[in-house]
C-alpha atoms as a PDB file:
ATOM      1  CA  MET A   1       0.000   0.000   0.000  1.00  0.00           C
ATOM      2  CA  SER A   2       1.002   3.601  -0.313  1.00  0.00           C
ATOM      3  CA  VAL A   3       2.969   4.974   2.616  1.00  0.00           C
ATOM      4  CA  ASN A   4       1.768   8.551   2.145  1.00  0.00           C
ATOM      5  CA  ARG A   5      -1.781   7.802   3.316  1.00  0.00           C
ATOM      6  CA  VAL A   6      -3.070   7.779   6.873  1.00  0.00           C
ATOM      7  CA  CYS A   7      -6.442   6.833   8.315  1.00  0.00           C
ATOM      8  CA  PHE A   8      -8.622   9.843   9.029  1.00  0.00           C
ATOM      9  CA  ASN A   9     -10.010   8.296  12.239  1.00  0.00           C
ATOM     10  CA  CYS A  10      -7.069   6.634  13.996  1.00  0.00           C
ATOM     11  CA  GLY A  11      -3.993   7.922  12.121  1.00  0.00           C
ATOM     12  CA  SER A  12      -2.755   4.454  11.184  1.00  0.00           C
ATOM     13  CA  SER A  13      -0.876   3.917   7.933  1.00  0.00           C
ATOM     14  CA  SER A  14      -1.710   0.213   7.508  1.00  0.00           C
ATOM     15  CA  PHE A  15      -4.478  -0.577   5.032  1.00  0.00           C
ATOM     16  CA  VAL A  16      -5.942  -3.783   3.631  1.00  0.00           C
ATOM     17  CA  SER A  17      -8.217  -4.601   0.737  1.00  0.00           C
ATOM     18  CA  ASP A  18     -11.553  -5.852   2.084  1.00  0.00           C
ATOM     19  CA  ARG A  19     -12.880  -8.676  -0.087  1.00  0.00           C
ATOM     20  CA  SER A  20     -16.419  -8.390   1.252  1.00  0.00           C
ATOM     21  CA  LEU A  21     -16.616  -4.784   0.045  1.00  0.00           C
ATOM     22  CA  GLY A  22     -15.410  -5.593  -3.457  1.00  0.00           C
ATOM     23  CA  GLY A  23     -11.754  -4.800  -2.837  1.00  0.00           C
ATOM     24  CA  LYS A  24     -12.306  -1.432  -1.177  1.00  0.00           C
ATOM     25  CA  ILE A  25      -9.302  -0.184   0.809  1.00  0.00           C
ATOM     26  CA  VAL A  26      -9.979  -0.023   4.569  1.00  0.00           C
ATOM     27  CA  CYS A  27      -7.860   0.639   7.648  1.00  0.00           C
ATOM     28  CA  SER A  28      -6.615  -2.574   9.239  1.00  0.00           C
ATOM     29  CA  LYS A  29      -6.891  -1.157  12.784  1.00  0.00           C
ATOM     30  CA  CYS A  30     -10.288   0.577  12.895  1.00  0.00           C
ATOM     31  CA  GLY A  31     -11.979  -0.575   9.668  1.00  0.00           C
ATOM     32  CA  SER A  32     -12.644   2.921   8.354  1.00  0.00           C
ATOM     33  CA  SER A  33     -12.559   3.579   4.624  1.00  0.00           C
ATOM     34  CA  SER A  34     -11.739   7.277   4.923  1.00  0.00           C
ATOM     35  CA  PHE A  35      -8.104   8.270   4.613  1.00  0.00           C
ATOM     36  CA  LYS A  36      -6.063  11.352   3.822  1.00  0.00           C
ATOM     37  CA  ARG A  37      -2.618  12.081   2.458  1.00  0.00           C
ATOM     38  CA  LYS A  38       0.188  12.452   4.959  1.00  0.00           C
ATOM     39  CA  SER A  39       1.565  15.961   4.806  1.00  0.00           C
ATOM     40  CA  SER A  40       5.340  16.122   4.710  1.00  0.00           C
ATOM     41  CA  SER A  41       5.596  19.841   4.078  1.00  0.00           C
ATOM     42  CA  PHE A  42       7.372  21.896   6.729  1.00  0.00           C
ATOM     43  CA  PHE A  43       4.820  24.728   6.553  1.00  0.00           C
ATOM     44  CA  ASN A  44       1.803  22.425   7.017  1.00  0.00           C
ATOM     45  CA  SER A  45       3.202  20.775  10.125  1.00  0.00           C
ATOM     46  CA  ASN A  46       3.398  21.802  13.751  1.00  0.00           C
ATOM     47  CA  LYS A  47       7.150  22.328  13.431  1.00  0.00           C
ATOM     48  CA  LEU A  48       6.572  25.828  12.084  1.00  0.00           C
ATOM     49  CA  ILE A  49       4.453  26.741  15.118  1.00  0.00           C
ATOM     50  CA  PHE A  50       7.080  25.470  17.558  1.00  0.00           C
ATOM     51  CA  LEU A  51       9.805  27.306  15.648  1.00  0.00           C
ATOM     52  CA  ALA A  52       7.859  30.571  15.827  1.00  0.00           C
ATOM     53  CA  ILE A  53       7.210  30.119  19.561  1.00  0.00           C
ATOM     54  CA  GLY A  54      10.895  29.352  20.158  1.00  0.00           C
ATOM     55  CA  ILE A  55      12.023  32.441  18.261  1.00  0.00           C
ATOM     56  CA  ALA A  56       9.527  34.604  20.167  1.00  0.00           C
ATOM     57  CA  ILE A  57      10.792  33.252  23.504  1.00  0.00           C
ATOM     58  CA  LEU A  58      14.409  33.914  22.508  1.00  0.00           C
ATOM     59  CA  ILE A  59      13.552  37.481  21.478  1.00  0.00           C
ATOM     60  CA  ILE A  60      11.806  38.079  24.808  1.00  0.00           C
ATOM     61  CA  LEU A  61      14.654  36.554  26.860  1.00  0.00           C
ATOM     62  CA  PHE A  62      17.522  38.397  25.135  1.00  0.00           C
ATOM     63  CA  ARG A  63      15.856  41.777  24.971  1.00  0.00           C
END
């Protein structure tokens, strides 16, 4: 399966093809069929928020 997909409900990245649903891809942990693409961009992640908070704290401390 594709490694850039995650389950929308539980966040798992392991999927299986369910034969009873005609081969529809479902999450192997929770059984949900809704998934989203995993974002690997720096600006779409929480890293940017933590970086901004860190810079703000440094500015306040060394003022």
